[in-house]
C-alpha atoms as a PDB file:
ATOM      1  CA  MET A   1     114.355  89.123  99.270  1.00  0.00           C
ATOM      2  CA  ILE A   2     111.640  86.590  98.503  1.00  0.00           C
ATOM      3  CA  LEU A   3     112.916  85.986  94.964  1.00  0.00           C
ATOM      4  CA  ASN A   4     116.057  84.471  96.490  1.00  0.00           C
ATOM      5  CA  GLU A   5     114.158  82.090  98.766  1.00  0.00           C
ATOM      6  CA  THR A   6     113.385  78.467  97.905  1.00  0.00           C
ATOM      7  CA  TYR A   7     111.523  75.438  99.214  1.00  0.00           C
ATOM      8  CA  PRO A   8     113.052  71.965  99.284  1.00  0.00           C
ATOM      9  CA  LEU A   9     111.282  69.371  97.155  1.00  0.00           C
ATOM     10  CA  SER A  10     110.938  65.704  98.064  1.00  0.00           C
ATOM     11  CA  ASP A  11     113.210  64.794  95.138  1.00  0.00           C
ATOM     12  CA  GLY A  12     116.080  66.774  96.666  1.00  0.00           C
ATOM     13  CA  ARG A  13     115.795  69.810  94.404  1.00  0.00           C
ATOM     14  CA  GLN A  14     114.954  73.387  95.356  1.00  0.00           C
ATOM     15  CA  ILE A  15     112.133  75.480  93.901  1.00  0.00           C
ATOM     16  CA  PRO A  16     111.692  79.274  94.238  1.00  0.00           C
ATOM     17  CA  LYS A  17     108.914  80.367  96.583  1.00  0.00           C
ATOM     18  CA  LEU A  18     107.674  82.926  94.040  1.00  0.00           C
ATOM     19  CA  GLY A  19     107.391  82.452  90.300  1.00  0.00           C
ATOM     20  CA  LEU A  20     105.850  83.973  87.205  1.00  0.00           C
ATOM     21  CA  GLY A  21     102.605  82.456  85.985  1.00  0.00           C
ATOM     22  CA  THR A  22     102.140  82.881  82.237  1.00  0.00           C
ATOM     23  CA  TRP A  23      98.547  81.763  81.738  1.00  0.00           C
ATOM     24  CA  SER A  24      96.667  84.302  79.538  1.00  0.00           C
ATOM     25  CA  ILE A  25      99.914  85.797  78.171  1.00  0.00           C
ATOM     26  CA  ASP A  26      99.832  85.576  74.369  1.00  0.00           C
ATOM     27  CA  ASP A  27     102.582  83.571  72.719  1.00  0.00           C
ATOM     28  CA  ASP A  28     103.973  86.622  70.894  1.00  0.00           C
ATOM     29  CA  LYS A  29     104.269  88.518  74.202  1.00  0.00           C
ATOM     30  CA  ALA A  30     105.527  85.667  76.379  1.00  0.00           C
ATOM     31  CA  ALA A  31     109.240  85.976  75.552  1.00  0.00           C
ATOM     32  CA  GLU A  32     109.362  89.624  76.580  1.00  0.00           C
ATOM     33  CA  ALA A  33     107.417  88.869  79.750  1.00  0.00           C
ATOM     34  CA  VAL A  34     109.923  86.165  80.681  1.00  0.00           C
ATOM     35  CA  ARG A  35     112.893  88.425  79.957  1.00  0.00           C
ATOM     36  CA  ASN A  36     111.394  91.211  82.083  1.00  0.00           C
ATOM     37  CA  ALA A  37     110.678  88.825  84.943  1.00  0.00           C
ATOM     38  CA  VAL A  38     114.193  87.377  84.877  1.00  0.00           C
ATOM     39  CA  ALA A  39     115.692  90.888  84.865  1.00  0.00           C
ATOM     40  CA  LEU A  40     113.724  91.613  88.050  1.00  0.00           C
ATOM     41  CA  GLY A  41     115.064  88.478  89.730  1.00  0.00           C
ATOM     42  CA  TYR A  42     112.401  85.840  88.976  1.00  0.00           C
ATOM     43  CA  ARG A  43     113.839  82.389  88.438  1.00  0.00           C
ATOM     44  CA  LEU A  44     110.691  80.218  88.285  1.00  0.00           C
ATOM     45  CA  ILE A  45     108.668  80.425  85.059  1.00  0.00           C
ATOM     46  CA  ASP A  46     105.441  78.414  84.809  1.00  0.00           C
ATOM     47  CA  THR A  47     103.609  77.583  81.579  1.00  0.00           C
ATOM     48  CA  ALA A  48     101.467  74.742  80.178  1.00  0.00           C
ATOM     49  CA  GLN A  49     100.657  73.037  76.920  1.00  0.00           C
ATOM     50  CA  ALA A  50      97.124  74.412  77.252  1.00  0.00           C
ATOM     51  CA  TYR A  51      98.307  78.021  77.520  1.00  0.00           C
ATOM     52  CA  GLY A  52      99.418  78.088  73.894  1.00  0.00           C
ATOM     53  CA  ASN A  53     102.557  80.078  74.740  1.00  0.00           C
ATOM     54  CA  GLU A  54     105.247  77.451  75.302  1.00  0.00           C
ATOM     55  CA  ARG A  55     107.130  78.611  72.201  1.00  0.00           C
ATOM     56  CA  GLY A  56     107.279  82.194  73.467  1.00  0.00           C
ATOM     57  CA  VAL A  57     108.184  81.176  77.002  1.00  0.00           C
ATOM     58  CA  GLY A  58     110.979  78.994  75.655  1.00  0.00           C
ATOM     59  CA  GLU A  59     112.288  81.881  73.569  1.00  0.00           C
ATOM     60  CA  GLY A  60     112.314  84.069  76.663  1.00  0.00           C
ATOM     61  CA  VAL A  61     114.240  81.445  78.624  1.00  0.00           C
ATOM     62  CA  ARG A  62     116.804  81.064  75.854  1.00  0.00           C
ATOM     63  CA  THR A  63     117.300  84.823  75.340  1.00  0.00           C
ATOM     64  CA  CYS A  64     117.102  86.164  78.904  1.00  0.00           C
ATOM     65  CA  GLY A  65     120.872  86.306  79.319  1.00  0.00           C
ATOM     66  CA  LEU A  66     121.146  83.755  82.126  1.00  0.00           C
ATOM     67  CA  PRO A  67     122.510  80.226  81.910  1.00  0.00           C
ATOM     68  CA  ARG A  68     119.747  77.637  81.514  1.00  0.00           C
ATOM     69  CA  GLU A  69     120.597  76.035  84.862  1.00  0.00           C
ATOM     70  CA  SER A  70     119.848  79.326  86.650  1.00  0.00           C
ATOM     71  CA  LEU A  71     116.144  79.030  85.841  1.00  0.00           C
ATOM     72  CA  PHE A  72     113.388  76.675  86.984  1.00  0.00           C
ATOM     73  CA  VAL A  73     111.118  76.146  83.958  1.00  0.00           C
ATOM     74  CA  ALA A  74     107.813  74.336  84.415  1.00  0.00           C
ATOM     75  CA  SER A  75     105.064  73.125  82.103  1.00  0.00           C
ATOM     76  CA  LYS A  76     102.033  70.840  82.231  1.00  0.00           C
ATOM     77  CA  VAL A  77     100.783  67.844  80.262  1.00  0.00           C
ATOM     78  CA  ALA A  78      97.439  68.837  78.743  1.00  0.00           C
ATOM     79  CA  ALA A  79      94.388  67.497  80.577  1.00  0.00           C
ATOM     80  CA  GLU A  80      93.163  65.681  77.480  1.00  0.00           C
ATOM     81  CA  HIS A  81      96.246  63.437  77.288  1.00  0.00           C
ATOM     82  CA  LYS A  82      95.153  60.395  79.268  1.00  0.00           C
ATOM     83  CA  THR A  83      97.281  57.629  77.749  1.00  0.00           C
ATOM     84  CA  TYR A  84     100.960  56.831  78.177  1.00  0.00           C
ATOM     85  CA  GLU A  85     101.634  57.378  74.479  1.00  0.00           C
ATOM     86  CA  ALA A  86      99.827  60.733  74.259  1.00  0.00           C
ATOM     87  CA  ALA A  87     101.519  62.073  77.390  1.00  0.00           C
ATOM     88  CA  ALA A  88     104.993  60.888  76.359  1.00  0.00           C
ATOM     89  CA  HIS A  89     104.612  62.392  72.880  1.00  0.00           C
ATOM     90  CA  SER A  90     103.373  65.689  74.322  1.00  0.00           C
ATOM     91  CA  ILE A  91     106.433  65.997  76.578  1.00  0.00           C
ATOM     92  CA  ASP A  92     108.710  65.633  73.541  1.00  0.00           C
ATOM     93  CA  GLU A  93     106.611  68.195  71.676  1.00  0.00           C
ATOM     94  CA  THR A  94     106.906  70.652  74.555  1.00  0.00           C
ATOM     95  CA  LEU A  95     110.694  70.355  74.618  1.00  0.00           C
ATOM     96  CA  GLU A  96     110.869  70.832  70.860  1.00  0.00           C
ATOM     97  CA  LYS A  97     108.469  73.773  70.911  1.00  0.00           C
ATOM     98  CA  MET A  98     110.360  75.488  73.737  1.00  0.00           C
ATOM     99  CA  GLY A  99     113.772  74.729  72.279  1.00  0.00           C
ATOM    100  CA  LEU A 100     114.971  73.241  75.563  1.00  0.00           C
ATOM    101  CA  ASP A 101     116.901  70.084  76.410  1.00  0.00           C
ATOM    102  CA  TYR A 102     114.990  69.506  79.648  1.00  0.00           C
ATOM    103  CA  LEU A 103     112.246  70.903  81.873  1.00  0.00           C
ATOM    104  CA  ASP A 104     112.753  71.513  85.561  1.00  0.00           C
ATOM    105  CA  GLN A 105     109.157  70.499  86.257  1.00  0.00           C
ATOM    106  CA  MET A 106     106.383  68.763  84.324  1.00  0.00           C
ATOM    107  CA  ILE A 107     103.011  68.034  85.886  1.00  0.00           C
ATOM    108  CA  ILE A 108      99.626  66.578  84.926  1.00  0.00           C
ATOM    109  CA  HIS A 109      97.391  69.619  84.383  1.00  0.00           C
ATOM    110  CA  SER A 110      94.161  68.011  85.586  1.00  0.00           C
ATOM    111  CA  PRO A 111      92.946  64.638  86.843  1.00  0.00           C
ATOM    112  CA  GLN A 112      90.196  64.664  84.196  1.00  0.00           C
ATOM    113  CA  PRO A 113      89.901  66.202  80.733  1.00  0.00           C
ATOM    114  CA  TRP A 114      88.505  69.717  81.218  1.00  0.00           C
ATOM    115  CA  THR A 115      85.108  68.832  79.752  1.00  0.00           C
ATOM    116  CA  GLU A 116      84.792  66.118  82.425  1.00  0.00           C
ATOM    117  CA  PHE A 117      86.416  68.063  85.267  1.00  0.00           C
ATOM    118  CA  ARG A 118      85.118  67.038  88.714  1.00  0.00           C
ATOM    119  CA  LEU A 119      82.467  64.808  87.160  1.00  0.00           C
ATOM    120  CA  GLU A 120      81.788  61.147  87.993  1.00  0.00           C
ATOM    121  CA  LYS A 121      84.611  59.610  85.974  1.00  0.00           C
ATOM    122  CA  ARG A 122      87.791  60.031  88.011  1.00  0.00           C
ATOM    123  CA  CYS A 123      90.362  58.650  85.515  1.00  0.00           C
ATOM    124  CA  PHE A 124      92.422  56.948  88.232  1.00  0.00           C
ATOM    125  CA  GLU A 125      93.872  54.319  85.896  1.00  0.00           C
ATOM    126  CA  GLU A 126      94.394  56.797  83.068  1.00  0.00           C
ATOM    127  CA  ASN A 127      96.361  59.080  85.377  1.00  0.00           C
ATOM    128  CA  LYS A 128      98.564  56.163  86.425  1.00  0.00           C
ATOM    129  CA  ALA A 129      99.438  55.683  82.742  1.00  0.00           C
ATOM    130  CA  VAL A 130     100.242  59.386  82.329  1.00  0.00           C
ATOM    131  CA  TRP A 131     102.281  59.234  85.522  1.00  0.00           C
ATOM    132  CA  ARG A 132     104.372  56.367  84.126  1.00  0.00           C
ATOM    133  CA  ALA A 133     105.126  58.566  81.124  1.00  0.00           C
ATOM    134  CA  LEU A 134     106.322  61.304  83.474  1.00  0.00           C
ATOM    135  CA  GLU A 135     108.411  58.840  85.496  1.00  0.00           C
ATOM    136  CA  ASP A 136     110.029  57.573  82.294  1.00  0.00           C
ATOM    137  CA  ALA A 137     110.655  61.117  81.058  1.00  0.00           C
ATOM    138  CA  GLN A 138     112.327  61.857  84.378  1.00  0.00           C
ATOM    139  CA  SER A 139     114.484  58.720  84.097  1.00  0.00           C
ATOM    140  CA  ALA A 140     115.485  59.797  80.585  1.00  0.00           C
ATOM    141  CA  GLY A 141     116.561  63.247  81.806  1.00  0.00           C
ATOM    142  CA  LYS A 142     113.831  65.088  79.894  1.00  0.00           C
ATOM    143  CA  VAL A 143     112.233  66.417  83.076  1.00  0.00           C
ATOM    144  CA  ARG A 144     113.600  66.733  86.582  1.00  0.00           C
ATOM    145  CA  THR A 145     110.707  67.233  88.994  1.00  0.00           C
ATOM    146  CA  ILE A 146     107.312  65.640  88.304  1.00  0.00           C
ATOM    147  CA  GLY A 147     103.964  66.332  89.887  1.00  0.00           C
ATOM    148  CA  VAL A 148     100.293  67.075  89.369  1.00  0.00           C
ATOM    149  CA  SER A 149      97.788  69.920  89.285  1.00  0.00           C
ATOM    150  CA  ASN A 150      94.178  70.201  90.450  1.00  0.00           C
ATOM    151  CA  PHE A 151      94.414  66.761  92.100  1.00  0.00           C
ATOM    152  CA  LEU A 152      92.162  66.106  95.092  1.00  0.00           C
ATOM    153  CA  ARG A 153      93.068  63.785  97.952  1.00  0.00           C
ATOM    154  CA  ASP A 154      91.635  60.650  96.325  1.00  0.00           C
ATOM    155  CA  ASP A 155      93.404  61.469  93.044  1.00  0.00           C
ATOM    156  CA  LEU A 156      96.673  61.702  94.962  1.00  0.00           C
ATOM    157  CA  GLU A 157      95.993  58.541  96.965  1.00  0.00           C
ATOM    158  CA  SER A 158      95.443  56.629  93.740  1.00  0.00           C
ATOM    159  CA  LEU A 159      98.829  57.709  92.357  1.00  0.00           C
ATOM    160  CA  LEU A 160     100.617  57.153  95.653  1.00  0.00           C
ATOM    161  CA  SER A 161      99.329  53.595  95.784  1.00  0.00           C
ATOM    162  CA  ASP A 162     101.077  52.617  92.550  1.00  0.00           C
ATOM    163  CA  CYS A 163     104.065  54.735  91.578  1.00  0.00           C
ATOM    164  CA  ARG A 164     107.837  54.521  91.360  1.00  0.00           C
ATOM    165  CA  VAL A 165     108.247  58.220  92.146  1.00  0.00           C
ATOM    166  CA  LYS A 166     105.948  60.179  94.440  1.00  0.00           C
ATOM    167  CA  PRO A 167     104.470  63.443  93.087  1.00  0.00           C
ATOM    168  CA  ALA A 168     106.646  66.290  94.321  1.00  0.00           C
ATOM    169  CA  VAL A 169     104.016  69.017  93.844  1.00  0.00           C
ATOM    170  CA  ASP A 170     100.280  69.610  93.493  1.00  0.00           C
ATOM    171  CA  GLN A 171      99.457  72.925  91.833  1.00  0.00           C
ATOM    172  CA  ILE A 172      95.983  74.076  92.901  1.00  0.00           C
ATOM    173  CA  LEU A 173      93.747  77.122  92.908  1.00  0.00           C
ATOM    174  CA  LEU A 174      94.563  78.646  96.289  1.00  0.00           C
ATOM    175  CA  HIS A 175      93.917  82.173  97.465  1.00  0.00           C
ATOM    176  CA  ILE A 176      92.494  84.165 100.367  1.00  0.00           C
ATOM    177  CA  THR A 177      88.860  83.004 100.798  1.00  0.00           C
ATOM    178  CA  ASN A 178      89.559  79.749  98.915  1.00  0.00           C
ATOM    179  CA  THR A 179      91.922  77.553 100.927  1.00  0.00           C
ATOM    180  CA  ASP A 180      91.376  73.798 101.047  1.00  0.00           C
ATOM    181  CA  LEU A 181      93.196  73.268 104.336  1.00  0.00           C
ATOM    182  CA  PRO A 182      92.554  69.489 104.517  1.00  0.00           C
ATOM    183  CA  LEU A 183      94.130  69.065 101.062  1.00  0.00           C
ATOM    184  CA  VAL A 184      97.039  71.336 101.995  1.00  0.00           C
ATOM    185  CA  GLU A 185      97.636  69.302 105.159  1.00  0.00           C
ATOM    186  CA  PHE A 186      97.391  65.993 103.279  1.00  0.00           C
ATOM    187  CA  CYS A 187     100.000  67.206 100.791  1.00  0.00           C
ATOM    188  CA  LYS A 188     102.270  68.356 103.606  1.00  0.00           C
ATOM    189  CA  ALA A 189     101.950  65.001 105.393  1.00  0.00           C
ATOM    190  CA  ASN A 190     102.947  63.197 102.181  1.00  0.00           C
ATOM    191  CA  GLY A 191     105.875  65.389 101.217  1.00  0.00           C
ATOM    192  CA  ILE A 192     103.980  67.068  98.358  1.00  0.00           C
ATOM    193  CA  LEU A 193     104.614  70.793  97.984  1.00  0.00           C
ATOM    194  CA  VAL A 194     101.544  72.884  97.157  1.00  0.00           C
ATOM    195  CA  GLU A 195     101.829  75.436  94.365  1.00  0.00           C
ATOM    196  CA  ALA A 196      99.203  78.196  94.327  1.00  0.00           C
ATOM    197  CA  TYR A 197      98.032  79.331  90.918  1.00  0.00           C
ATOM    198  CA  SER A 198      95.914  82.493  90.635  1.00  0.00           C
ATOM    199  CA  PRO A 199      96.818  83.535  94.211  1.00  0.00           C
ATOM    200  CA  ILE A 200      95.107  86.879  93.568  1.00  0.00           C
ATOM    201  CA  ALA A 201      91.835  85.090  92.675  1.00  0.00           C
ATOM    202  CA  HIS A 202      91.985  85.965  88.981  1.00  0.00           C
ATOM    203  CA  GLY A 203      92.229  89.614  90.066  1.00  0.00           C
ATOM    204  CA  GLU A 204      88.995  89.550  92.054  1.00  0.00           C
ATOM    205  CA  ALA A 205      90.872  89.851  95.354  1.00  0.00           C
ATOM    206  CA  LEU A 206      91.792  93.394  94.288  1.00  0.00           C
ATOM    207  CA  LYS A 207      88.096  94.330  94.470  1.00  0.00           C
ATOM    208  CA  ASN A 208      87.453  92.767  97.880  1.00  0.00           C
ATOM    209  CA  ASP A 209      86.974  95.320 100.681  1.00  0.00           C
ATOM    210  CA  ALA A 210      87.910  92.933 103.488  1.00  0.00           C
ATOM    211  CA  ILE A 211      91.175  92.005 101.779  1.00  0.00           C
ATOM    212  CA  ALA A 212      91.876  95.688 101.082  1.00  0.00           C
ATOM    213  CA  ASP A 213      91.334  96.535 104.747  1.00  0.00           C
ATOM    214  CA  MET A 214      93.739  93.837 105.883  1.00  0.00           C
ATOM    215  CA  ALA A 215      96.320  94.944 103.312  1.00  0.00           C
ATOM    216  CA  GLY A 216      96.024  98.506 104.595  1.00  0.00           C
ATOM    217  CA  LYS A 217      96.867  97.287 108.100  1.00  0.00           C
ATOM    218  CA  TYR A 218     100.239  96.096 106.765  1.00  0.00           C
ATOM    219  CA  GLY A 219     100.792  99.031 104.430  1.00  0.00           C
ATOM    220  CA  VAL A 220     100.842  96.786 101.359  1.00  0.00           C
ATOM    221  CA  SER A 221      98.676  96.241  98.285  1.00  0.00           C
ATOM    222  CA  ALA A 222      95.938  93.621  98.135  1.00  0.00           C
ATOM    223  CA  ALA A 223      98.034  91.693  95.606  1.00  0.00           C
ATOM    224  CA  GLN A 224     101.028  91.681  97.936  1.00  0.00           C
ATOM    225  CA  LEU A 225      98.889  90.461 100.830  1.00  0.00           C
ATOM    226  CA  CYS A 226      97.527  87.613  98.685  1.00  0.00           C
ATOM    227  CA  ILE A 227     100.970  86.508  97.555  1.00  0.00           C
ATOM    228  CA  ARG A 228     102.389  86.668 101.072  1.00  0.00           C
ATOM    229  CA  TYR A 229      99.405  84.652 102.327  1.00  0.00           C
ATOM    230  CA  ALA A 230     100.130  81.807  99.918  1.00  0.00           C
ATOM    231  CA  ILE A 231     103.818  81.799 100.814  1.00  0.00           C
ATOM    232  CA  GLN A 232     103.099  81.769 104.565  1.00  0.00           C
ATOM    233  CA  LEU A 233     100.900  78.725 104.010  1.00  0.00           C
ATOM    234  CA  GLY A 234     104.060  77.077 102.696  1.00  0.00           C
ATOM    235  CA  ALA A 235     102.985  77.198  99.047  1.00  0.00           C
ATOM    236  CA  VAL A 236     104.752  78.409  95.925  1.00  0.00           C
ATOM    237  CA  ALA A 237     102.951  81.552  94.687  1.00  0.00           C
ATOM    238  CA  LEU A 238     102.465  81.888  90.921  1.00  0.00           C
ATOM    239  CA  PRO A 239     100.851  85.253  90.146  1.00  0.00           C
ATOM    240  CA  LYS A 240     100.340  85.809  86.431  1.00  0.00           C
ATOM    241  CA  THR A 241     101.200  89.071  84.712  1.00  0.00           C
ATOM    242  CA  ALA A 242     103.042  90.448  81.692  1.00  0.00           C
ATOM    243  CA  ASP A 243     103.419  93.902  83.298  1.00  0.00           C
ATOM    244  CA  PRO A 244     106.917  94.557  84.736  1.00  0.00           C
ATOM    245  CA  ALA A 245     105.462  97.008  87.284  1.00  0.00           C
ATOM    246  CA  HIS A 246     103.127  94.304  88.570  1.00  0.00           C
ATOM    247  CA  MET A 247     105.986  91.793  88.633  1.00  0.00           C
ATOM    248  CA  LYS A 248     108.024  94.175  90.779  1.00  0.00           C
ATOM    249  CA  ASN A 249     105.088  94.849  93.105  1.00  0.00           C
ATOM    250  CA  ASP A 250     104.319  91.121  93.409  1.00  0.00           C
ATOM    251  CA  ALA A 251     107.867  90.453  94.591  1.00  0.00           C
ATOM    252  CA  ALA A 252     107.820  93.124  97.324  1.00  0.00           C
ATOM    253  CA  VAL A 253     106.403  90.800  99.959  1.00  0.00           C
ATOM    254  CA  ASP A 254     109.099  90.767 102.623  1.00  0.00           C
ATOM    255  CA  PHE A 255     106.678  91.319 105.490  1.00  0.00           C
ATOM    256  CA  VAL A 256     104.990  88.869 107.858  1.00  0.00           C
ATOM    257  CA  ILE A 257     101.272  88.358 108.380  1.00  0.00           C
ATOM    258  CA  SER A 258     100.504  87.586 112.031  1.00  0.00           C
ATOM    259  CA  ASP A 259      99.145  84.167 112.966  1.00  0.00           C
ATOM    260  CA  ALA A 260      95.877  85.772 114.053  1.00  0.00           C
ATOM    261  CA  ASP A 261      95.457  87.556 110.739  1.00  0.00           C
ATOM    262  CA  MET A 262      96.371  84.406 108.796  1.00  0.00           C
ATOM    263  CA  GLU A 263      93.499  82.703 110.614  1.00  0.00           C
ATOM    264  CA  VAL A 264      91.132  85.522 109.652  1.00  0.00           C
ATOM    265  CA  LEU A 265      92.236  85.396 106.017  1.00  0.00           C
ATOM    266  CA  THR A 266      91.929  81.618 105.842  1.00  0.00           C
ATOM    267  CA  HIS A 267      88.294  81.732 106.947  1.00  0.00           C
ATOM    268  CA  MET A 268      87.243  84.949 105.203  1.00  0.00           C
ATOM    269  CA  GLU A 269      83.953  84.805 103.293  1.00  0.00           C
ATOM    270  CA  ARG A 270      84.552  83.244  99.905  1.00  0.00           C
ATOM    271  CA  ILE A 271      84.771  85.365  96.775  1.00  0.00           C
ATOM    272  CA  LYS A 272      81.668  84.263  94.883  1.00  0.00           C
ATOM    273  CA  SER A 273      82.572  85.302  91.357  1.00  0.00           C
ATOM    274  CA  TYR A 274      85.724  85.447  89.254  1.00  0.00           C
ATOM    275  CA  GLY A 275      84.191  87.868  86.766  1.00  0.00           C
ATOM    276  CA  ASP A 276      85.389  87.144  83.243  1.00  0.00           C
ATOM    277  CA  PHE A 277      87.015  83.952  84.551  1.00  0.00           C
ATOM    278  CA  ASP A 278      83.787  82.479  85.914  1.00  0.00           C
ATOM    279  CA  VAL A 279      84.309  79.313  83.938  1.00  0.00           C
ATOM    280  CA  PHE A 280      86.544  76.917  85.771  1.00  0.00           C
ATOM    281  CA  PRO A 281      88.704  75.462  84.604  1.00  0.00           C
ATOM    282  CA  VAL A 282      88.915  78.135  81.969  1.00  0.00           C
ATOM    283  CA  PHE A 283      89.815  75.598  79.288  1.00  0.00           C
ATOM    284  CA  SER A 284      86.494  73.757  79.541  1.00  0.00           C
ATOM    285  CA  GLY A 285      83.801  76.378  79.185  1.00  0.00           C
ATOM    286  CA  LYS A 286      82.175  74.736  82.193  1.00  0.00           C
ATOM    287  CA  PRO A 287      80.553  77.217  84.644  1.00  0.00           C
ATOM    288  CA  LEU A 288      82.142  77.547  88.067  1.00  0.00           C
ATOM    289  CA  ALA A 289      80.283  75.373  90.553  1.00  0.00           C
END
């Protein structure tokens, strides 16, 4: 069962191959979502300071009935925190808000503040300062695994050139029709595990006829095909949902996509619109390029 499978991380820890993404789940509904996911066998729960639901996620972790060490709880330093002091303070705030003694994973949410995302200013030096805050938080036992999100190759190269601890993960938008293979290969070559957020393309993959046809070939849903695709690329899949039925369906991915079909899916014509989520990143209000 996929929920029992893990990947090794470069820091010696293990991370589940499938987790629950909690973006867009309201804070007052997050605890119940976490409890439902844990009851179904999920052990990786992913949130972020920007999601506004860390309190609820923390409540769910504390009240799910499992020992804390049985879960892998992850959050993200908000993109706007680009100094050592701001990042360090935000990590303490997250722990207090969630009511936890430590986080299993903490990552930088974006290489730039959302309003400057993918613009000319790359924030290389600022990210090194934030990274030092994460390294120090790890040394202090506040977080265990540290990494990044939405980082491109040059963002990663900048950190790798001047760090005590290498990033263990890079969480990126990755789904059928949107696979940055050069970035995935660079991460693999440098011992950085890719985590795929929105592996169902913000739900748009469910409306794609080509994806539906391929899913039909395997007798699975489009969502299941998308999740299996991310996992077969060697990435952690983080579908987001508060619906227990969807959680159960998302975890029923114990089938194998053939190499030939993986090649087809990797190069399938790109989904051109994310519908209501056509601002990316969603925290910036900036239109998708």
